[in-house]
Structures are given as structure tokens and as C-alpha cells.
C-alpha atoms as a PDB file:
ATOM      1  CA  UNK A   1     109.869  45.785 247.743  1.00  0.00           C
ATOM      2  CA  UNK A   2     111.916  44.546 244.995  1.00  0.00           C
ATOM      3  CA  UNK A   3     110.933  42.051 242.418  1.00  0.00           C
ATOM      4  CA  UNK A   4     113.679  39.813 243.294  1.00  0.00           C
ATOM      5  CA  UNK A   5     113.313  39.998 246.815  1.00  0.00           C
ATOM      6  CA  UNK A   6     109.276  39.413 246.451  1.00  0.00           C
ATOM      7  CA  UNK A   7     110.032  36.888 244.016  1.00  0.00           C
ATOM      8  CA  UNK A   8     112.228  35.217 246.507  1.00  0.00           C
ATOM      9  CA  UNK A   9     110.111  35.274 249.404  1.00  0.00           C
ATOM     10  CA  UNK A  10     107.181  33.766 247.244  1.00  0.00           C
ATOM     11  CA  UNK A  11     109.558  30.824 246.638  1.00  0.00           C
ATOM     12  CA  UNK A  12     110.289  29.827 249.917  1.00  0.00           C
ATOM     13  CA  UNK A  13     107.161  29.047 251.407  1.00  0.00           C
ATOM     14  CA  UNK A  14     105.323  26.437 253.346  1.00  0.00           C
ATOM     15  CA  UNK A  15     101.625  25.718 253.395  1.00  0.00           C
ATOM     16  CA  UNK A  16     100.344  24.873 256.368  1.00  0.00           C
ATOM     17  CA  UNK A  17      97.370  22.223 256.094  1.00  0.00           C
ATOM     18  CA  UNK A  18      94.869  20.296 258.163  1.00  0.00           C
ATOM     19  CA  UNK A  19      94.626  16.710 258.216  1.00  0.00           C
ATOM     20  CA  UNK A  20      91.156  16.616 256.969  1.00  0.00           C
ATOM     21  CA  UNK A  21      89.466  14.119 254.364  1.00  0.00           C
ATOM     22  CA  UNK A  22      90.120  15.739 251.331  1.00  0.00           C
ATOM     23  CA  UNK A  23      93.336  17.302 252.332  1.00  0.00           C
ATOM     24  CA  UNK A  24      95.614  14.966 250.371  1.00  0.00           C
ATOM     25  CA  UNK A  25      93.773  15.391 247.294  1.00  0.00           C
ATOM     26  CA  UNK A  26      93.781  19.277 247.551  1.00  0.00           C
ATOM     27  CA  UNK A  27      97.584  19.146 247.912  1.00  0.00           C
ATOM     28  CA  UNK A  28      98.197  17.016 244.985  1.00  0.00           C
ATOM     29  CA  UNK A  29      95.898  18.706 242.577  1.00  0.00           C
ATOM     30  CA  UNK A  30      97.378  22.483 243.580  1.00  0.00           C
ATOM     31  CA  UNK A  31     100.759  22.445 245.118  1.00  0.00           C
ATOM     32  CA  UNK A  32     104.107  21.651 243.636  1.00  0.00           C
ATOM     33  CA  UNK A  33     106.412  19.371 244.963  1.00  0.00           C
ATOM     34  CA  UNK A  34     108.886  22.130 245.622  1.00  0.00           C
ATOM     35  CA  UNK A  35     106.553  23.569 248.401  1.00  0.00           C
ATOM     36  CA  UNK A  36     106.584  22.220 251.497  1.00  0.00           C
ATOM     37  CA  UNK A  37     103.551  21.180 253.292  1.00  0.00           C
ATOM     38  CA  UNK A  38     103.259  21.066 256.802  1.00  0.00           C
ATOM     39  CA  UNK A  39     100.397  19.191 258.650  1.00  0.00           C
ATOM     40  CA  UNK A  40      98.770  20.439 261.865  1.00  0.00           C
ATOM     41  CA  UNK A  41      97.753  18.257 264.789  1.00  0.00           C
ATOM     42  CA  UNK A  42      94.238  18.840 266.736  1.00  0.00           C
ATOM     43  CA  UNK A  43      93.608  18.264 270.616  1.00  0.00           C
ATOM     44  CA  UNK A  44      90.462  16.295 269.564  1.00  0.00           C
ATOM     45  CA  UNK A  45      91.893  14.041 266.985  1.00  0.00           C
ATOM     46  CA  UNK A  46      95.063  13.455 268.234  1.00  0.00           C
ATOM     47  CA  UNK A  47      98.366  12.637 266.421  1.00  0.00           C
ATOM     48  CA  UNK A  48      96.982   9.475 263.992  1.00  0.00           C
ATOM     49  CA  UNK A  49      95.760  11.819 261.431  1.00  0.00           C
ATOM     50  CA  UNK A  50      98.472  14.105 261.291  1.00  0.00           C
ATOM     51  CA  UNK A  51     101.266  11.248 260.879  1.00  0.00           C
ATOM     52  CA  UNK A  52      99.069   9.321 258.413  1.00  0.00           C
ATOM     53  CA  UNK A  53      98.676  12.474 256.178  1.00  0.00           C
ATOM     54  CA  UNK A  54     102.681  13.086 256.516  1.00  0.00           C
ATOM     55  CA  UNK A  55     103.527   9.659 255.371  1.00  0.00           C
ATOM     56  CA  UNK A  56     101.026   9.820 252.273  1.00  0.00           C
ATOM     57  CA  UNK A  57     102.278  13.038 251.109  1.00  0.00           C
ATOM     58  CA  UNK A  58     105.746  12.155 251.700  1.00  0.00           C
ATOM     59  CA  UNK A  59     105.271   9.084 249.672  1.00  0.00           C
ATOM     60  CA  UNK A  60     103.808  11.286 246.652  1.00  0.00           C
ATOM     61  CA  UNK A  61     107.210  13.310 246.772  1.00  0.00           C
ATOM     62  CA  UNK A  62     106.748  16.264 248.609  1.00  0.00           C
ATOM     63  CA  UNK A  63     108.704  17.405 251.808  1.00  0.00           C
ATOM     64  CA  UNK A  64     106.290  17.316 254.745  1.00  0.00           C
ATOM     65  CA  UNK A  65     106.750  18.662 258.419  1.00  0.00           C
ATOM     66  CA  UNK A  66     104.316  17.032 260.988  1.00  0.00           C
ATOM     67  CA  UNK A  67     103.763  19.038 264.172  1.00  0.00           C
ATOM     68  CA  UNK A  68     104.006  17.376 267.112  1.00  0.00           C
ATOM     69  CA  UNK A  69     102.787  19.388 269.705  1.00  0.00           C
ATOM     70  CA  UNK A  70     103.836  18.507 273.544  1.00  0.00           C
ATOM     71  CA  UNK A  71     100.516  18.255 275.145  1.00  0.00           C
ATOM     72  CA  UNK A  72      99.098  15.560 272.893  1.00  0.00           C
ATOM     73  CA  UNK A  73     102.073  13.035 273.939  1.00  0.00           C
ATOM     74  CA  UNK A  74     100.879  10.524 276.478  1.00  0.00           C
ATOM     75  CA  UNK A  75     104.283   9.483 277.472  1.00  0.00           C
ATOM     76  CA  UNK A  76     108.102   8.755 276.545  1.00  0.00           C
ATOM     77  CA  UNK A  77     107.071   5.645 274.715  1.00  0.00           C
ATOM     78  CA  UNK A  78     104.325   7.472 272.653  1.00  0.00           C
ATOM     79  CA  UNK A  79     107.246  10.312 271.937  1.00  0.00           C
ATOM     80  CA  UNK A  80     109.440   7.682 270.892  1.00  0.00           C
ATOM     81  CA  UNK A  81     106.669   6.285 268.214  1.00  0.00           C
ATOM     82  CA  UNK A  82     105.695   9.417 266.854  1.00  0.00           C
ATOM     83  CA  UNK A  83     108.964  10.575 266.036  1.00  0.00           C
ATOM     84  CA  UNK A  84     110.291   7.481 264.767  1.00  0.00           C
ATOM     85  CA  UNK A  85     107.248   6.798 262.675  1.00  0.00           C
ATOM     86  CA  UNK A  86     107.906   9.981 260.311  1.00  0.00           C
ATOM     87  CA  UNK A  87     111.568   9.335 259.913  1.00  0.00           C
ATOM     88  CA  UNK A  88     110.777   5.730 258.966  1.00  0.00           C
ATOM     89  CA  UNK A  89     108.777   7.191 256.030  1.00  0.00           C
ATOM     90  CA  UNK A  90     111.566   9.484 255.183  1.00  0.00           C
ATOM     91  CA  UNK A  91     110.739  12.585 256.744  1.00  0.00           C
ATOM     92  CA  UNK A  92     113.652  14.802 257.787  1.00  0.00           C
ATOM     93  CA  UNK A  93     111.870  18.134 259.517  1.00  0.00           C
ATOM     94  CA  UNK A  94     109.510  18.372 262.341  1.00  0.00           C
ATOM     95  CA  UNK A  95     107.533  21.133 264.143  1.00  0.00           C
ATOM     96  CA  UNK A  96     107.612  21.213 268.095  1.00  0.00           C
ATOM     97  CA  UNK A  97     105.186  23.328 269.455  1.00  0.00           C
ATOM     98  CA  UNK A  98     103.725  23.222 273.046  1.00  0.00           C
ATOM     99  CA  UNK A  99     100.033  22.695 271.579  1.00  0.00           C
ATOM    100  CA  UNK A 100      96.666  23.538 272.995  1.00  0.00           C
ATOM    101  CA  UNK A 101      95.583  20.585 274.875  1.00  0.00           C
ATOM    102  CA  UNK A 102      94.047  21.127 278.186  1.00  0.00           C
ATOM    103  CA  UNK A 103      94.415  19.202 280.215  1.00  0.00           C
ATOM    104  CA  UNK A 104      97.876  17.707 278.547  1.00  0.00           C
ATOM    105  CA  UNK A 105      97.978  14.015 277.455  1.00  0.00           C
ATOM    106  CA  UNK A 106     100.770  13.236 279.463  1.00  0.00           C
ATOM    107  CA  UNK A 107     103.569  14.663 281.674  1.00  0.00           C
ATOM    108  CA  UNK A 108     104.704  17.323 279.009  1.00  0.00           C
ATOM    109  CA  UNK A 109     103.270  20.855 279.418  1.00  0.00           C
ATOM    110  CA  UNK A 110     105.831  22.664 277.536  1.00  0.00           C
ATOM    111  CA  UNK A 111     107.939  22.163 274.154  1.00  0.00           C
ATOM    112  CA  UNK A 112     111.526  22.307 275.606  1.00  0.00           C
ATOM    113  CA  UNK A 113     111.275  18.876 277.725  1.00  0.00           C
ATOM    114  CA  UNK A 114     110.207  17.497 274.227  1.00  0.00           C
ATOM    115  CA  UNK A 115     112.772  19.212 272.302  1.00  0.00           C
ATOM    116  CA  UNK A 116     115.293  17.915 274.713  1.00  0.00           C
ATOM    117  CA  UNK A 117     114.340  14.577 274.696  1.00  0.00           C
ATOM    118  CA  UNK A 118     114.531  14.254 270.888  1.00  0.00           C
ATOM    119  CA  UNK A 119     118.056  15.900 271.098  1.00  0.00           C
ATOM    120  CA  UNK A 120     119.018  13.162 273.527  1.00  0.00           C
ATOM    121  CA  UNK A 121     117.700  10.393 271.361  1.00  0.00           C
ATOM    122  CA  UNK A 122     120.428  11.754 268.481  1.00  0.00           C
ATOM    123  CA  UNK A 123     118.339  14.540 267.032  1.00  0.00           C
ATOM    124  CA  UNK A 124     117.327  12.431 264.007  1.00  0.00           C
ATOM    125  CA  UNK A 125     115.792  15.684 262.234  1.00  0.00           C
ATOM    126  CA  UNK A 126     117.359  17.812 259.912  1.00  0.00           C
ATOM    127  CA  UNK A 127     115.565  20.534 260.986  1.00  0.00           C
ATOM    128  CA  UNK A 128     113.295  20.973 263.982  1.00  0.00           C
ATOM    129  CA  UNK A 129     111.091  24.005 264.134  1.00  0.00           C
ATOM    130  CA  UNK A 130     109.818  25.927 267.450  1.00  0.00           C
ATOM    131  CA  UNK A 131     106.979  28.554 267.605  1.00  0.00           C
ATOM    132  CA  UNK A 132     107.654  32.233 267.978  1.00  0.00           C
ATOM    133  CA  UNK A 133     104.769  34.815 268.985  1.00  0.00           C
ATOM    134  CA  UNK A 134     105.359  38.417 267.278  1.00  0.00           C
ATOM    135  CA  UNK A 135     102.084  39.697 268.775  1.00  0.00           C
ATOM    136  CA  UNK A 136     101.200  39.255 272.617  1.00  0.00           C
ATOM    137  CA  UNK A 137     100.068  36.011 273.717  1.00  0.00           C
ATOM    138  CA  UNK A 138      96.872  36.015 275.756  1.00  0.00           C
ATOM    139  CA  UNK A 139      98.382  33.748 278.253  1.00  0.00           C
ATOM    140  CA  UNK A 140     102.102  34.255 277.962  1.00  0.00           C
ATOM    141  CA  UNK A 141     104.282  37.457 278.657  1.00  0.00           C
ATOM    142  CA  UNK A 142     106.208  38.737 276.053  1.00  0.00           C
ATOM    143  CA  UNK A 143     109.625  38.395 277.821  1.00  0.00           C
ATOM    144  CA  UNK A 144     108.923  34.812 278.472  1.00  0.00           C
ATOM    145  CA  UNK A 145     107.870  33.790 274.889  1.00  0.00           C
ATOM    146  CA  UNK A 146     111.535  35.702 273.902  1.00  0.00           C
ATOM    147  CA  UNK A 147     112.915  33.759 276.941  1.00  0.00           C
ATOM    148  CA  UNK A 148     111.556  30.295 275.743  1.00  0.00           C
ATOM    149  CA  UNK A 149     112.952  30.600 272.161  1.00  0.00           C
ATOM    150  CA  UNK A 150     116.581  31.422 273.908  1.00  0.00           C
ATOM    151  CA  UNK A 151     115.854  28.284 275.761  1.00  0.00           C
ATOM    152  CA  UNK A 152     114.965  26.059 273.247  1.00  0.00           C
ATOM    153  CA  UNK A 153     117.321  27.398 270.587  1.00  0.00           C
ATOM    154  CA  UNK A 154     120.177  24.606 271.011  1.00  0.00           C
ATOM    155  CA  UNK A 155     117.298  21.826 270.283  1.00  0.00           C
ATOM    156  CA  UNK A 156     116.007  23.835 267.084  1.00  0.00           C
ATOM    157  CA  UNK A 157     116.905  24.446 263.647  1.00  0.00           C
ATOM    158  CA  UNK A 158     114.464  27.364 262.887  1.00  0.00           C
ATOM    159  CA  UNK A 159     111.368  29.654 264.111  1.00  0.00           C
ATOM    160  CA  UNK A 160     108.029  29.644 262.659  1.00  0.00           C
ATOM    161  CA  UNK A 161     105.962  32.584 263.905  1.00  0.00           C
ATOM    162  CA  UNK A 162     102.324  32.798 264.609  1.00  0.00           C
ATOM    163  CA  UNK A 163      99.852  34.900 262.415  1.00  0.00           C
ATOM    164  CA  UNK A 164     101.021  38.256 262.194  1.00  0.00           C
ATOM    165  CA  UNK A 165      99.539  41.386 259.793  1.00  0.00           C
ATOM    166  CA  UNK A 166     101.735  44.031 260.788  1.00  0.00           C
ATOM    167  CA  UNK A 167     104.945  44.530 259.723  1.00  0.00           C
ATOM    168  CA  UNK A 168     106.305  47.002 262.624  1.00  0.00           C
ATOM    169  CA  UNK A 169     105.180  44.487 265.198  1.00  0.00           C
ATOM    170  CA  UNK A 170     106.927  41.763 263.335  1.00  0.00           C
ATOM    171  CA  UNK A 171     110.365  43.936 262.926  1.00  0.00           C
ATOM    172  CA  UNK A 172     110.153  44.776 266.709  1.00  0.00           C
ATOM    173  CA  UNK A 173     109.964  41.271 267.632  1.00  0.00           C
ATOM    174  CA  UNK A 174     112.923  40.150 265.365  1.00  0.00           C
ATOM    175  CA  UNK A 175     115.055  42.805 266.454  1.00  0.00           C
ATOM    176  CA  UNK A 176     114.148  41.605 270.380  1.00  0.00           C
ATOM    177  CA  UNK A 177     115.060  37.980 269.373  1.00  0.00           C
ATOM    178  CA  UNK A 178     118.258  39.169 267.637  1.00  0.00           C
ATOM    179  CA  UNK A 179     119.321  41.295 270.958  1.00  0.00           C
ATOM    180  CA  UNK A 180     118.866  38.121 272.753  1.00  0.00           C
ATOM    181  CA  UNK A 181     121.234  36.320 270.538  1.00  0.00           C
ATOM    182  CA  UNK A 182     118.444  34.041 269.196  1.00  0.00           C
ATOM    183  CA  UNK A 183     119.686  33.943 265.657  1.00  0.00           C
ATOM    184  CA  UNK A 184     117.555  30.889 264.257  1.00  0.00           C
ATOM    185  CA  UNK A 185     116.195  31.724 260.758  1.00  0.00           C
ATOM    186  CA  UNK A 186     112.437  32.794 260.977  1.00  0.00           C
ATOM    187  CA  UNK A 187     109.441  31.634 258.721  1.00  0.00           C
ATOM    188  CA  UNK A 188     106.969  34.386 259.020  1.00  0.00           C
ATOM    189  CA  UNK A 189     103.747  33.296 259.621  1.00  0.00           C
ATOM    190  CA  UNK A 190     100.687  34.915 257.485  1.00  0.00           C
ATOM    191  CA  UNK A 191      97.503  33.809 256.247  1.00  0.00           C
ATOM    192  CA  UNK A 192      96.492  32.736 252.601  1.00  0.00           C
ATOM    193  CA  UNK A 193      93.511  34.445 251.194  1.00  0.00           C
ATOM    194  CA  UNK A 194      91.063  32.544 253.678  1.00  0.00           C
ATOM    195  CA  UNK A 195      87.622  33.890 254.142  1.00  0.00           C
ATOM    196  CA  UNK A 196      87.349  36.758 256.719  1.00  0.00           C
ATOM    197  CA  UNK A 197      85.405  35.180 258.950  1.00  0.00           C
ATOM    198  CA  UNK A 198      87.455  31.807 259.455  1.00  0.00           C
ATOM    199  CA  UNK A 199      90.637  34.272 259.817  1.00  0.00           C
ATOM    200  CA  UNK A 200      88.882  36.360 262.550  1.00  0.00           C
ATOM    201  CA  UNK A 201      87.860  33.217 264.343  1.00  0.00           C
ATOM    202  CA  UNK A 202      91.232  31.710 264.241  1.00  0.00           C
ATOM    203  CA  UNK A 203      93.027  34.793 265.009  1.00  0.00           C
ATOM    204  CA  UNK A 204      90.879  35.035 268.193  1.00  0.00           C
ATOM    205  CA  UNK A 205      91.320  31.504 269.240  1.00  0.00           C
ATOM    206  CA  UNK A 206      95.250  31.524 268.876  1.00  0.00           C
ATOM    207  CA  UNK A 207      95.699  34.964 270.319  1.00  0.00           C
ATOM    208  CA  UNK A 208      96.964  37.145 267.234  1.00  0.00           C
ATOM    209  CA  UNK A 209      95.253  40.477 269.074  1.00  0.00           C
ATOM    210  CA  UNK A 210      95.245  43.396 266.936  1.00  0.00           C
ATOM    211  CA  UNK A 211      96.441  42.079 263.688  1.00  0.00           C
ATOM    212  CA  UNK A 212      92.830  41.292 263.170  1.00  0.00           C
ATOM    213  CA  UNK A 213      92.243  44.711 262.267  1.00  0.00           C
ATOM    214  CA  UNK A 214      94.738  44.441 259.049  1.00  0.00           C
ATOM    215  CA  UNK A 215      92.473  41.825 257.448  1.00  0.00           C
ATOM    216  CA  UNK A 216      90.581  44.297 255.014  1.00  0.00           C
ATOM    217  CA  UNK A 217      93.937  44.870 252.920  1.00  0.00           C
ATOM    218  CA  UNK A 218      95.823  41.791 253.636  1.00  0.00           C
ATOM    219  CA  UNK A 219      96.326  40.760 249.859  1.00  0.00           C
ATOM    220  CA  UNK A 220      97.923  44.363 249.219  1.00  0.00           C
ATOM    221  CA  UNK A 221      99.808  44.556 252.632  1.00  0.00           C
ATOM    222  CA  UNK A 222     101.205  41.023 251.653  1.00  0.00           C
ATOM    223  CA  UNK A 223     102.598  42.118 248.166  1.00  0.00           C
ATOM    224  CA  UNK A 224     103.948  45.363 250.022  1.00  0.00           C
ATOM    225  CA  UNK A 225     105.557  43.162 252.603  1.00  0.00           C
ATOM    226  CA  UNK A 226     109.253  43.531 252.684  1.00  0.00           C
ATOM    227  CA  UNK A 227     111.065  40.404 254.596  1.00  0.00           C
ATOM    228  CA  UNK A 228     113.306  41.862 257.361  1.00  0.00           C
ATOM    229  CA  UNK A 229     117.078  41.074 256.928  1.00  0.00           C
ATOM    230  CA  UNK A 230     117.497  39.714 260.080  1.00  0.00           C
ATOM    231  CA  UNK A 231     117.193  36.073 259.212  1.00  0.00           C
ATOM    232  CA  UNK A 232     113.739  35.761 257.523  1.00  0.00           C
ATOM    233  CA  UNK A 233     113.831  32.221 255.774  1.00  0.00           C
ATOM    234  CA  UNK A 234     110.431  32.433 254.207  1.00  0.00           C
ATOM    235  CA  UNK A 235     107.080  32.477 254.449  1.00  0.00           C
ATOM    236  CA  UNK A 236     104.669  30.076 256.351  1.00  0.00           C
ATOM    237  CA  UNK A 237     101.242  30.158 254.873  1.00  0.00           C
ATOM    238  CA  UNK A 238      98.163  29.036 257.037  1.00  0.00           C
ATOM    239  CA  UNK A 239      96.061  27.856 254.140  1.00  0.00           C
ATOM    240  CA  UNK A 240      92.813  27.036 256.485  1.00  0.00           C
ATOM    241  CA  UNK A 241      92.889  24.119 253.834  1.00  0.00           C
ATOM    242  CA  UNK A 242      92.068  26.661 251.228  1.00  0.00           C
ATOM    243  CA  UNK A 243      94.956  25.077 249.229  1.00  0.00           C
ATOM    244  CA  UNK A 244      93.793  25.836 245.509  1.00  0.00           C
ATOM    245  CA  UNK A 245      93.302  29.230 246.488  1.00  0.00           C
ATOM    246  CA  UNK A 246      96.454  29.793 248.234  1.00  0.00           C
ATOM    247  CA  UNK A 247      98.189  28.420 245.556  1.00  0.00           C
ATOM    248  CA  UNK A 248      96.662  30.874 242.723  1.00  0.00           C
ATOM    249  CA  UNK A 249      97.029  34.143 245.187  1.00  0.00           C
ATOM    250  CA  UNK A 250     101.129  32.850 245.553  1.00  0.00           C
ATOM    251  CA  UNK A 251     101.098  32.145 241.925  1.00  0.00           C
ATOM    252  CA  UNK A 252      99.720  35.597 240.692  1.00  0.00           C
ATOM    253  CA  UNK A 253     102.884  37.717 241.278  1.00  0.00           C
ATOM    254  CA  UNK A 254     105.411  35.093 240.828  1.00  0.00           C
ATOM    255  CA  UNK A 255     103.772  34.658 237.061  1.00  0.00           C
ATOM    256  CA  UNK A 256     103.833  38.677 236.410  1.00  0.00           C
ATOM    257  CA  UNK A 257     107.720  38.608 237.635  1.00  0.00           C
ATOM    258  CA  UNK A 258     108.491  35.676 235.395  1.00  0.00           C
ATOM    259  CA  UNK A 259     108.683  33.249 238.596  1.00  0.00           C
END
């Protein structure tokens, strides 16, 4: 990868964080305001911690993207509340995955009906992101995941991919997307310098599959990674709340490149 391409890729990042007790303090201490923060949601804790942290970080001057999983929404009224609340705080972006809650909290089992409802209400968000699965999902056939993105494309502005450590797999997936005329820009999901055990556990949980085998050389692989030309918008870094370590890891090559 050329220096300019690497610098550009490392500058276009989003940090995914979990809404834990110390997250706000960690972000304020270590994350520059130009880095986008995305806030996850848990089936156990619900959406309140996500929305509360989103509001606080937005008030501190960050661009924040709350995760609003469809399977955590109780009904249409709940959907209205959890989309109007971040908008009132000045949030322009939303990430709308299906989520993992089993059983779902309400009538929504997938993201598409939620995205349609948001669009019907005027599409108040500048950028709505949807999930992409470069690798095989343990519960969903590959063709169905691509079809799902085709179905959602009219209601979304970008795709955020799940974790992937294999540039070939990622490239093949992007090619399949473009062949299906899914032209949305993609944020490539990769992990920051998280502990190996934690990353393996998360990879197993979300169905990353064989990519776990690439962990040993992940840092060097990342620096060699060449962003495909087929509409890669930037990197979506899964920090697992190791925020300081992730920012140091990102800054090291930028500093060497004069970025």
C-alpha cells in the first residue's frame, strides 16, 4: 500500500465502543474529535445505555452513531422514541442492524422493516448504515446476506462489514456486492489491537469463522491491507473498549507518515 493510501485509510475511521461505565472517560481522554464513535447496544441492557452515551458524547463534540438493533425494539412507538431522541441531541447518523436478541423484544425480526419505517417517517438521518457479512454467517446463507443488502439499499447510505481478516475474502465479497448493483460505500470492519482471547471469543460469537486464524499477524496484516477500489469509505474499528490502545495503534503509522 502506498503512503498516501494508508494515510487516507487510517484517517477515515470509526471507533465502535460499548456503553460501559468508563467508556465516556476513555473516549474523552484518547479519541480525537474528528474520529467517529459508534455505540453498540446489548440484548441484556437494552437501548437506554446506548442512547445515553450517544447524547453525552455528542454534547462533547463527537460525531456519534448509535446502534439501534431491530430485535430490541418493542413496537412502533419505541422505534419513534429511540430515533427521535438522538435527533433531538443533534445526531445525524444511525446504524440499523438486525441484532441478536432471541426472542426479539417486539415485532421486528430483521432490519428491513425498521429501515422502511424510518424512511416512511421522512428519513431524518443523514447517513443510515446497514450490516455486511464478508464471511459466511453460521445461520444465514451467503446469497441471502447479499440479497438483504440489495433489499435495504434504498434505505441506507453505507454498509458496515463484520470483522474480516482475509483481504481475499473481503475482495470477493465486494465484487459480489457490485455485481448485484449494491453500490453503497463500505466501512471495512477490523479489530484494533485487542487481546487475542477476547477477540477469539467475539469472533466465535458473531460468526467470523476462519478469520480467527489470521489473528497472530493481525497488526502487520492491517498495515499491508490495501483498501479495494470498489467503494471503500474507511475502516470500522472494533475497539472492544480498548480505546487508548486502538488510538495508539492507529496513530503510530500516521505519525511515521507525517499524518
